[in-house]
Amino acid sequence: LGIGGITPYFSLYIYDLLKQAGFEENGKFLNDLLFSIFGIGLNEELSKLAGVIAVFLLLKKYINDPIDILIYSGLTALGFSLVENFNYFSNYGVRIISSRAFYSALEHIINTSVIVYGFFRFRVFNKGNPILNTITGLALAIGSHGLFDFFLIQQFLGPLTSYFSLLVYLVGINFWIEMLNNANNFSVYFDYHKIGFSTRVAYRLFYWYFLTLAIAFFNNGMTINLEFSIRTSFKSLLTDGFLFWIVIMRISRFKIFKRKYFKVTLALPFYITKNKDEDFKIPVLNIPVKIRGENQQEYFLTKYLGKNVRLFPLKGEKEDLHNSVAGSSINAVISDKILLYDDVIVYTLFIEDKLWIKPDKIFVLKPVMKTFAKLELNGVITALYGIKLDASDLDIKDLEIRELDFISWVKIQPDGI
């Protein structure tokens, strides 16, 4: 963080040289575009990269896990943002703290992480070409940084132009989390049973967001007046609140699969879903939208992989469970975690009860998305599906949830409760 705090002075020196050469903003479209990419993006990213290189050389023996690479580079970028934000606060006051903390600071972290990820992508994940990876990472980071600033500087579409900056920001958030996701999946310390819950991460992020709002509220109240403070606080919640909710939820979600590499793509942090697993619906249009990554329900059962559980059938549409004895349980082992073709997570079961052993069928559990109860004495409700096997080779990963045969709702309890 300290080394990162030095790097803005490199970029300020370069800005002075560019100004002396006559290369700066002038309100013209092409000039401002080039200046945003090369005068701002290239300048600041290379300045931060100098700090990252120094950090990696100093802390070489402490970098022993893929996630360390992204953590140290992100902290260095945060040091750059810290000093930059201090200058902004000096000019505009602390009232801009929320936007600077959740937009600018994250943009710096994301772009620096992209460069470092590109450099280490082949070495850590054995993906792509080392030289091409590095060039691509640099180009993406510099382009993203430059375009983000350009759409704020050059208002060629009036107030609508800034929405393009939001688009760059949201795509960058998703890109960053996918990089972190791969680093976690390839951790040398990976352990399904030590995975924390996404709600804890989300709650912590919401705490920091509301803390920045509180700081701005009290600052505005003391330096201007209470009416202005209340008005600007409501405005911040209306303009940024929902957006930050999406960002915080995406940041707290990963796809936890040991040694599984997910392709890092340019995509928004949410998508339209048809699997009845939406996080919210767009009003009026009633379009179901899901935020990418696993939520708490989807990976809750991960901690019980390889462990004995008991299934208590609740109600079913098939004879398998209609004829089951009321209150009886099925002994099983949650054997594997599978990501279906349509991005739905299921858990395969090895059932020990002889009456349930069917050589022509695989049983899987799909977590309930709408309601959720902690896996304690009362158990947690999931959907039990069957997959009919045929003579051809079947890869469960190629199936969609609609192709699975729903059997029943079941309550799960770890064996021994």
Protein backbone atom coordinates (compact mmCIF):
# COMPACT_ATOMS: atom_id res chain seq x y z
CA LEU A 1 0.00 0.00 0.00
CA GLY A 2 2.87 2.35 0.85
CA ILE A 3 4.71 1.61 -2.39
CA GLY A 4 1.47 2.11 -4.31
CA GLY A 5 1.12 5.50 -2.66
CA ILE A 6 4.38 6.61 -4.27
CA THR A 7 3.36 5.67 -7.83
CA PRO A 8 0.97 8.62 -8.50
CA TYR A 9 3.98 10.93 -8.45
CA PHE A 10 5.43 9.06 -11.44
CA SER A 11 2.24 9.70 -13.40
CA LEU A 12 2.12 13.36 -12.30
CA TYR A 13 5.65 13.84 -13.66
CA ILE A 14 4.58 12.31 -16.98
CA TYR A 15 1.46 14.52 -17.04
CA ASP A 16 3.72 17.57 -16.76
CA LEU A 17 5.84 16.34 -19.69
CA LEU A 18 2.71 15.70 -21.79
CA LYS A 19 1.38 19.17 -20.98
CA GLN A 20 4.65 20.75 -22.04
CA ALA A 21 4.39 18.82 -25.31
CA GLY A 22 0.85 20.18 -25.82
CA PHE A 23 -0.88 16.83 -25.38
CA GLU A 24 -3.85 17.35 -23.06
CA GLU A 25 -7.65 17.57 -23.08
CA ASN A 26 -9.07 20.18 -25.45
CA GLY A 27 -12.71 19.15 -25.89
CA LYS A 28 -12.18 17.58 -29.33
CA PHE A 29 -13.42 14.00 -29.69
CA LEU A 30 -10.36 12.30 -31.23
CA ASN A 31 -7.81 14.24 -29.17
CA ASP A 32 -9.63 13.48 -25.90
CA LEU A 33 -10.00 9.80 -26.86
CA LEU A 34 -6.27 9.47 -27.56
CA PHE A 35 -5.37 11.44 -24.45
CA SER A 36 -7.68 9.29 -22.28
CA ILE A 37 -6.12 6.06 -23.54
CA PHE A 38 -2.46 7.04 -23.83
CA GLY A 39 -2.16 10.14 -21.65
CA ILE A 40 -4.25 8.74 -18.77
CA GLY A 41 -4.66 4.98 -19.22
CA LEU A 42 -1.16 4.11 -20.39
CA ASN A 43 0.48 6.63 -18.06
CA GLU A 44 -1.29 5.59 -14.86
CA GLU A 45 -1.24 1.84 -15.53
CA LEU A 46 2.51 1.83 -16.21
CA SER A 47 3.08 3.96 -13.10
CA LYS A 48 1.14 1.46 -10.97
CA LEU A 49 2.93 -1.43 -12.70
CA ALA A 50 6.30 -0.01 -11.62
CA GLY A 51 5.04 -0.22 -8.03
CA VAL A 52 3.74 -3.77 -8.54
CA ILE A 53 7.13 -4.92 -9.87
CA ALA A 54 8.84 -3.42 -6.81
CA VAL A 55 6.34 -5.15 -4.49
CA PHE A 56 6.79 -8.53 -6.18
CA LEU A 57 10.56 -8.25 -5.91
CA LEU A 58 10.40 -7.32 -2.22
CA LEU A 59 7.76 -9.92 -1.28
CA LYS A 60 8.85 -12.70 -3.63
CA LYS A 61 9.11 -15.36 -0.92
CA TYR A 62 5.60 -14.53 0.38
CA ILE A 63 3.92 -15.06 -2.99
CA ASN A 64 3.14 -18.79 -2.83
CA ASP A 65 -0.45 -18.96 -4.00
CA PRO A 66 -2.24 -17.64 -7.12
CA ILE A 67 -4.49 -15.35 -5.07
CA ASP A 68 -1.40 -13.65 -3.56
CA ILE A 69 -0.55 -12.26 -7.00
CA LEU A 70 -3.90 -10.50 -7.29
CA ILE A 71 -4.00 -9.39 -3.64
CA TYR A 72 -0.59 -7.70 -3.69
CA SER A 73 -1.16 -6.07 -7.07
CA GLY A 74 -4.62 -4.90 -5.95
CA LEU A 75 -3.23 -3.39 -2.74
CA THR A 76 -0.55 -1.57 -4.71
CA ALA A 77 -3.23 -0.12 -7.00
CA LEU A 78 -5.25 0.83 -3.92
CA GLY A 79 -2.25 2.82 -2.67
CA PHE A 80 -2.27 4.76 -5.95
CA SER A 81 -6.02 5.39 -5.56
CA LEU A 82 -5.58 6.45 -1.92
CA VAL A 83 -3.25 9.31 -2.82
CA GLU A 84 -5.31 10.26 -5.88
CA ASN A 85 -8.50 10.36 -3.79
CA PHE A 86 -6.81 12.51 -1.16
CA ASN A 87 -6.18 15.12 -3.84
CA TYR A 88 -9.80 14.91 -5.01
CA PHE A 89 -11.06 15.30 -1.43
CA SER A 90 -8.86 18.36 -1.03
CA ASN A 91 -10.48 19.92 -4.09
CA TYR A 92 -14.09 18.76 -3.81
CA GLY A 93 -14.56 17.70 -0.19
CA VAL A 94 -15.38 14.37 1.42
CA ARG A 95 -18.90 14.37 -0.06
CA ILE A 96 -17.55 12.47 -3.08
CA ILE A 97 -16.16 9.66 -0.91
CA SER A 98 -18.72 7.02 -1.99
CA SER A 99 -18.22 7.50 -5.71
CA ARG A 100 -14.43 7.64 -5.38
CA ALA A 101 -14.32 4.56 -3.14
CA PHE A 102 -16.68 2.38 -5.17
CA TYR A 103 -15.91 3.59 -8.69
CA SER A 104 -12.40 4.98 -8.92
CA ALA A 105 -10.67 2.76 -6.35
CA LEU A 106 -12.17 -0.43 -7.79
CA GLU A 107 -11.29 0.65 -11.35
CA HIS A 108 -7.65 1.04 -10.34
CA ILE A 109 -7.61 -2.37 -8.62
CA ILE A 110 -9.35 -4.09 -11.54
CA ASN A 111 -7.11 -2.71 -14.28
CA THR A 112 -3.85 -3.43 -12.45
CA SER A 113 -5.11 -6.96 -11.69
CA VAL A 114 -5.85 -7.51 -15.40
CA ILE A 115 -2.23 -6.71 -16.33
CA VAL A 116 -0.80 -8.99 -13.64
CA TYR A 117 -3.26 -11.79 -14.45
CA GLY A 118 -2.25 -11.62 -18.11
CA PHE A 119 1.43 -11.91 -17.21
CA PHE A 120 0.92 -14.89 -14.87
CA ARG A 121 -1.92 -16.62 -16.78
CA PHE A 122 0.30 -19.14 -18.57
CA ARG A 123 2.57 -19.76 -15.60
CA VAL A 124 -0.25 -20.40 -13.10
CA PHE A 125 -3.05 -21.88 -15.23
CA ASN A 126 -1.13 -23.10 -18.31
CA LYS A 127 -3.48 -21.11 -20.54
CA GLY A 128 -2.67 -19.20 -23.70
CA ASN A 129 0.69 -17.84 -24.81
CA PRO A 130 2.91 -15.94 -22.31
CA ILE A 131 3.69 -13.04 -24.66
CA LEU A 132 0.16 -12.79 -26.09
CA ASN A 133 -1.35 -13.01 -22.59
CA THR A 134 0.81 -10.13 -21.37
CA ILE A 135 0.05 -7.93 -24.39
CA THR A 136 -3.68 -8.68 -24.09
CA GLY A 137 -3.69 -7.89 -20.37
CA LEU A 138 -1.92 -4.57 -20.94
CA ALA A 139 -4.20 -3.61 -23.82
CA LEU A 140 -7.38 -4.46 -21.90
CA ALA A 141 -6.30 -2.57 -18.78
CA ILE A 142 -5.12 0.53 -20.64
CA GLY A 143 -8.18 0.53 -22.91
CA SER A 144 -10.59 0.01 -20.01
CA HIS A 145 -8.96 2.78 -17.95
CA GLY A 146 -8.87 5.18 -20.88
CA LEU A 147 -12.46 4.57 -22.00
CA PHE A 148 -13.79 4.86 -18.44
CA ASP A 149 -12.25 8.33 -18.15
CA PHE A 150 -13.07 9.32 -21.74
CA PHE A 151 -16.82 8.77 -21.29
CA LEU A 152 -16.68 11.04 -18.23
CA ILE A 153 -14.56 13.72 -19.94
CA GLN A 154 -16.08 13.86 -23.43
CA GLN A 155 -19.86 14.30 -23.18
CA PHE A 156 -20.57 13.73 -26.89
CA LEU A 157 -24.00 12.29 -26.07
CA GLY A 158 -24.70 14.71 -23.26
CA PRO A 159 -25.51 13.20 -19.82
CA LEU A 160 -26.06 9.78 -21.45
CA THR A 161 -22.33 9.48 -22.21
CA SER A 162 -21.46 8.69 -18.59
CA TYR A 163 -23.56 5.52 -18.80
CA PHE A 164 -20.88 4.08 -21.08
CA SER A 165 -18.46 4.52 -18.16
CA LEU A 166 -20.86 2.47 -16.02
CA LEU A 167 -20.86 -0.22 -18.69
CA VAL A 168 -17.04 -0.36 -18.69
CA TYR A 169 -17.13 -0.44 -14.88
CA LEU A 170 -19.64 -3.31 -14.65
CA VAL A 171 -17.85 -5.42 -17.25
CA GLY A 172 -14.60 -4.80 -15.37
CA ILE A 173 -16.14 -5.90 -12.07
CA ASN A 174 -17.23 -9.21 -13.58
CA PHE A 175 -13.83 -9.65 -15.28
CA TRP A 176 -12.04 -9.08 -11.97
CA ILE A 177 -14.17 -11.55 -10.01
CA GLU A 178 -13.65 -14.23 -12.68
CA MET A 179 -9.88 -13.76 -12.29
CA LEU A 180 -10.13 -14.01 -8.50
CA ASN A 181 -12.37 -17.06 -8.93
CA ASN A 182 -9.77 -18.93 -10.97
CA ALA A 183 -7.03 -18.00 -8.51
CA ASN A 184 -9.12 -19.41 -5.64
CA ASN A 185 -9.97 -22.61 -7.51
CA PHE A 186 -6.26 -23.25 -8.13
CA SER A 187 -5.18 -22.47 -4.58
CA VAL A 188 -2.69 -24.92 -3.07
CA TYR A 189 -4.72 -24.62 0.13
CA PHE A 190 -8.06 -25.36 -1.55
CA ASP A 191 -10.48 -27.09 0.81
CA TYR A 192 -14.23 -27.39 0.17
CA HIS A 193 -14.87 -27.70 3.88
CA LYS A 194 -13.32 -24.32 4.71
CA ILE A 195 -15.36 -22.20 2.35
CA GLY A 196 -17.00 -19.18 3.96
CA PHE A 197 -20.45 -17.90 3.13
CA SER A 198 -21.02 -15.18 0.55
CA THR A 199 -23.51 -13.39 2.81
CA ARG A 200 -20.69 -12.56 5.26
CA VAL A 201 -18.70 -10.93 2.47
CA ALA A 202 -21.77 -9.06 1.23
CA TYR A 203 -22.68 -7.81 4.72
CA ARG A 204 -19.14 -6.51 5.21
CA LEU A 205 -19.21 -4.67 1.89
CA PHE A 206 -22.61 -3.16 2.65
CA TYR A 207 -21.23 -2.00 6.00
CA TRP A 208 -18.38 -0.15 4.29
CA TYR A 209 -20.71 1.35 1.70
CA PHE A 210 -23.07 2.75 4.32
CA LEU A 211 -20.08 3.97 6.32
CA THR A 212 -18.96 6.07 3.35
CA LEU A 213 -22.52 7.44 3.06
CA ALA A 214 -22.48 8.32 6.77
CA ILE A 215 -19.13 10.12 6.43
CA ALA A 216 -20.45 12.14 3.50
CA PHE A 217 -23.72 12.86 5.36
CA PHE A 218 -22.01 14.27 8.47
CA ASN A 219 -19.46 16.17 6.40
CA ASN A 220 -22.18 17.84 4.32
CA GLY A 221 -24.20 18.60 7.43
CA MET A 222 -21.26 20.34 9.13
CA THR A 223 -19.80 22.16 6.12
CA ILE A 224 -23.04 23.14 4.34
CA ASN A 225 -26.36 22.38 6.05
CA LEU A 226 -28.61 19.51 7.11
CA GLU A 227 -31.08 19.96 4.25
CA PHE A 228 -28.32 19.66 1.66
CA SER A 229 -26.89 16.64 3.50
CA ILE A 230 -30.25 14.80 3.48
CA ARG A 231 -30.94 15.68 -0.16
CA THR A 232 -27.55 14.50 -1.43
CA SER A 233 -27.74 11.29 0.63
CA PHE A 234 -31.09 10.36 -0.90
CA LYS A 235 -29.77 11.25 -4.33
CA SER A 236 -26.75 8.96 -3.82
CA LEU A 237 -28.98 6.08 -2.77
CA LEU A 238 -31.31 6.57 -5.74
CA THR A 239 -28.56 6.95 -8.34
CA ASP A 240 -25.96 4.51 -7.02
CA GLY A 241 -27.69 2.33 -4.41
CA PHE A 242 -29.10 -0.35 -6.73
CA LEU A 243 -25.94 -0.39 -8.84
CA PHE A 244 -23.75 -0.90 -5.79
CA TRP A 245 -26.12 -3.65 -4.60
CA ILE A 246 -25.45 -5.53 -7.84
CA VAL A 247 -21.71 -4.90 -7.57
CA ILE A 248 -21.54 -6.01 -3.94
CA MET A 249 -23.54 -9.17 -4.64
CA ARG A 250 -21.28 -10.03 -7.60
CA ILE A 251 -18.12 -9.38 -5.63
CA SER A 252 -19.31 -11.79 -2.94
CA ARG A 253 -20.03 -14.67 -5.33
CA PHE A 254 -17.68 -17.24 -6.81
CA LYS A 255 -17.97 -20.60 -8.54
CA ILE A 256 -16.10 -22.90 -6.20
CA PHE A 257 -14.70 -25.91 -8.12
CA LYS A 258 -11.31 -27.36 -7.30
CA ARG A 259 -8.78 -26.99 -10.14
CA LYS A 260 -11.48 -25.81 -12.54
CA TYR A 261 -10.58 -22.90 -14.82
CA PHE A 262 -13.38 -20.66 -16.04
CA LYS A 263 -12.79 -18.65 -19.19
CA VAL A 264 -12.54 -14.96 -18.32
CA THR A 265 -14.97 -13.13 -20.60
CA LEU A 266 -16.23 -9.62 -21.24
CA ALA A 267 -19.70 -9.84 -19.74
CA LEU A 268 -22.00 -7.97 -17.39
CA PRO A 269 -22.20 -9.23 -13.78
CA PHE A 270 -25.81 -10.38 -14.33
CA TYR A 271 -27.83 -12.17 -16.99
CA ILE A 272 -31.41 -13.15 -17.87
CA THR A 273 -32.15 -16.62 -16.50
CA LYS A 274 -34.78 -19.23 -17.35
CA ASN A 275 -33.95 -21.60 -14.49
CA LYS A 276 -36.15 -20.10 -11.77
CA ASP A 277 -33.04 -19.05 -9.84
CA GLU A 278 -33.31 -15.29 -10.33
CA ASP A 279 -32.16 -12.76 -7.75
CA PHE A 280 -34.72 -10.18 -8.86
CA LYS A 281 -37.18 -9.41 -11.65
CA ILE A 282 -37.20 -6.26 -13.74
CA PRO A 283 -40.39 -4.39 -12.77
CA VAL A 284 -43.25 -4.23 -15.30
CA LEU A 285 -41.34 -6.38 -17.82
CA ASN A 286 -41.14 -9.21 -15.25
CA ILE A 287 -37.80 -10.38 -16.66
CA PRO A 288 -35.91 -12.71 -14.27
CA VAL A 289 -32.31 -11.64 -13.67
CA LYS A 290 -29.57 -13.59 -11.87
CA ILE A 291 -26.29 -12.17 -10.62
CA ARG A 292 -23.38 -14.33 -11.76
CA GLY A 293 -21.58 -16.68 -9.40
CA GLU A 294 -22.84 -18.98 -6.66
CA ASN A 295 -25.02 -17.57 -3.96
CA GLN A 296 -25.12 -19.03 -0.47
CA GLN A 297 -27.82 -21.56 -1.32
CA GLU A 298 -25.90 -22.92 -4.29
CA TYR A 299 -22.67 -23.71 -2.48
CA PHE A 300 -23.99 -24.37 1.01
CA LEU A 301 -23.80 -28.15 0.49
CA THR A 302 -20.18 -27.91 -0.66
CA LYS A 303 -18.96 -28.27 2.92
CA TYR A 304 -20.61 -31.73 3.06
CA LEU A 305 -18.87 -33.14 -0.02
CA GLY A 306 -17.67 -36.65 0.74
CA LYS A 307 -19.68 -36.80 3.95
CA ASN A 308 -22.65 -38.93 5.01
CA VAL A 309 -26.06 -37.25 5.06
CA ARG A 310 -29.65 -38.35 5.56
CA LEU A 311 -32.44 -37.45 3.15
CA PHE A 312 -36.01 -37.13 4.42
CA PRO A 313 -38.53 -37.24 1.52
CA LEU A 314 -41.23 -34.59 1.85
CA LYS A 315 -43.50 -34.91 -1.16
CA GLY A 316 -43.00 -36.27 -4.60
CA GLU A 317 -44.52 -36.79 -7.99
CA LYS A 318 -42.96 -40.18 -8.62
CA GLU A 319 -43.70 -43.62 -7.24
CA ASP A 320 -40.20 -43.78 -5.82
CA LEU A 321 -41.20 -41.54 -2.92
CA HIS A 322 -44.98 -41.86 -2.84
CA ASN A 323 -44.57 -45.36 -1.47
CA SER A 324 -41.82 -44.44 1.00
CA VAL A 325 -42.55 -44.89 4.67
CA ALA A 326 -43.52 -41.61 6.34
CA GLY A 327 -40.67 -40.23 8.41
CA SER A 328 -38.12 -42.66 6.97
CA SER A 329 -34.74 -41.44 5.81
CA ILE A 330 -32.31 -42.36 3.05
CA ASN A 331 -28.62 -42.69 3.83
CA ALA A 332 -26.38 -41.15 1.19
CA VAL A 333 -23.03 -39.47 0.52
CA ILE A 334 -22.76 -36.18 -1.37
CA SER A 335 -20.11 -37.32 -3.82
CA ASP A 336 -19.47 -34.50 -6.30
CA LYS A 337 -20.39 -30.98 -7.35
CA ILE A 338 -21.41 -30.44 -10.97
CA LEU A 339 -22.01 -27.33 -13.07
CA LEU A 340 -24.64 -28.11 -15.68
CA TYR A 341 -24.57 -26.70 -19.19
CA ASP A 342 -27.11 -23.99 -18.31
CA ASP A 343 -25.03 -22.72 -15.36
CA VAL A 344 -27.07 -24.58 -12.71
CA ILE A 345 -25.22 -26.25 -9.83
CA VAL A 346 -26.18 -29.74 -8.66
CA TYR A 347 -24.61 -32.28 -6.28
CA THR A 348 -24.38 -35.97 -7.15
CA LEU A 349 -25.39 -38.57 -4.57
CA PHE A 350 -24.10 -42.01 -3.74
CA ILE A 351 -27.07 -43.70 -2.06
CA GLU A 352 -26.25 -46.51 0.33
CA ASP A 353 -29.77 -47.92 0.88
CA LYS A 354 -30.22 -51.08 -1.21
CA LEU A 355 -33.85 -50.24 -2.03
CA TRP A 356 -32.61 -47.06 -3.68
CA ILE A 357 -29.67 -48.45 -5.62
CA LYS A 358 -30.64 -48.20 -9.30
CA PRO A 359 -27.91 -49.11 -11.83
CA ASP A 360 -29.68 -47.15 -14.57
CA LYS A 361 -30.09 -43.88 -12.68
CA ILE A 362 -27.96 -41.14 -11.11
CA PHE A 363 -29.41 -39.01 -8.31
CA VAL A 364 -28.55 -35.34 -7.84
CA LEU A 365 -29.55 -32.56 -5.47
CA LYS A 366 -30.35 -29.04 -6.59
CA PRO A 367 -30.37 -26.35 -3.86
CA VAL A 368 -33.61 -24.43 -3.40
CA MET A 369 -33.19 -20.84 -4.54
CA LYS A 370 -36.30 -19.12 -3.25
CA THR A 371 -36.27 -20.06 0.42
CA PHE A 372 -33.37 -21.04 2.59
CA ALA A 373 -33.01 -22.57 6.04
CA LYS A 374 -29.69 -23.19 7.75
CA LEU A 375 -28.49 -26.75 7.88
CA GLU A 376 -28.98 -27.21 11.59
CA LEU A 377 -31.45 -29.37 13.54
CA ASN A 378 -34.29 -28.56 11.15
CA GLY A 379 -32.33 -29.46 8.03
CA VAL A 380 -32.28 -27.71 4.66
CA ILE A 381 -34.70 -28.29 1.79
CA THR A 382 -33.37 -29.26 -1.66
CA ALA A 383 -34.82 -30.78 -4.82
CA LEU A 384 -33.96 -34.39 -5.66
CA TYR A 385 -33.59 -35.21 -9.34
CA GLY A 386 -32.88 -38.42 -11.23
CA ILE A 387 -30.90 -38.79 -14.44
CA LYS A 388 -31.78 -41.82 -16.56
CA LEU A 389 -28.70 -43.47 -18.02
CA ASP A 390 -28.71 -45.01 -21.49
CA ALA A 391 -26.25 -47.00 -23.53
CA SER A 392 -24.45 -43.94 -24.82
CA ASP A 393 -21.78 -42.13 -22.83
CA LEU A 394 -23.42 -39.50 -20.67
CA ASP A 395 -21.66 -36.40 -19.42
CA ILE A 396 -23.83 -34.69 -16.81
CA LYS A 397 -22.10 -31.38 -17.55
CA ASP A 398 -23.71 -31.35 -21.00
CA LEU A 399 -27.25 -31.50 -19.59
CA GLU A 400 -29.61 -28.70 -18.63
CA ILE A 401 -31.75 -28.71 -15.51
CA ARG A 402 -34.94 -29.12 -17.58
CA GLU A 403 -33.59 -32.43 -18.88
CA LEU A 404 -33.42 -33.89 -15.35
CA ASP A 405 -36.31 -35.86 -13.87
CA PHE A 406 -37.70 -34.20 -10.73
CA ILE A 407 -38.47 -36.78 -8.01
CA SER A 408 -39.20 -34.98 -4.77
CA TRP A 409 -38.38 -32.27 -2.29
CA VAL A 410 -36.13 -33.66 0.43
CA LYS A 411 -34.87 -32.37 3.75
CA ILE A 412 -31.16 -32.97 4.36
CA GLN A 413 -29.38 -33.45 7.63
CA PRO A 414 -25.74 -34.38 8.16
CA ASP A 415 -25.40 -37.89 9.52
CA GLY A 416 -25.33 -37.92 13.32
CA ILE A 417 -28.01 -35.25 13.94
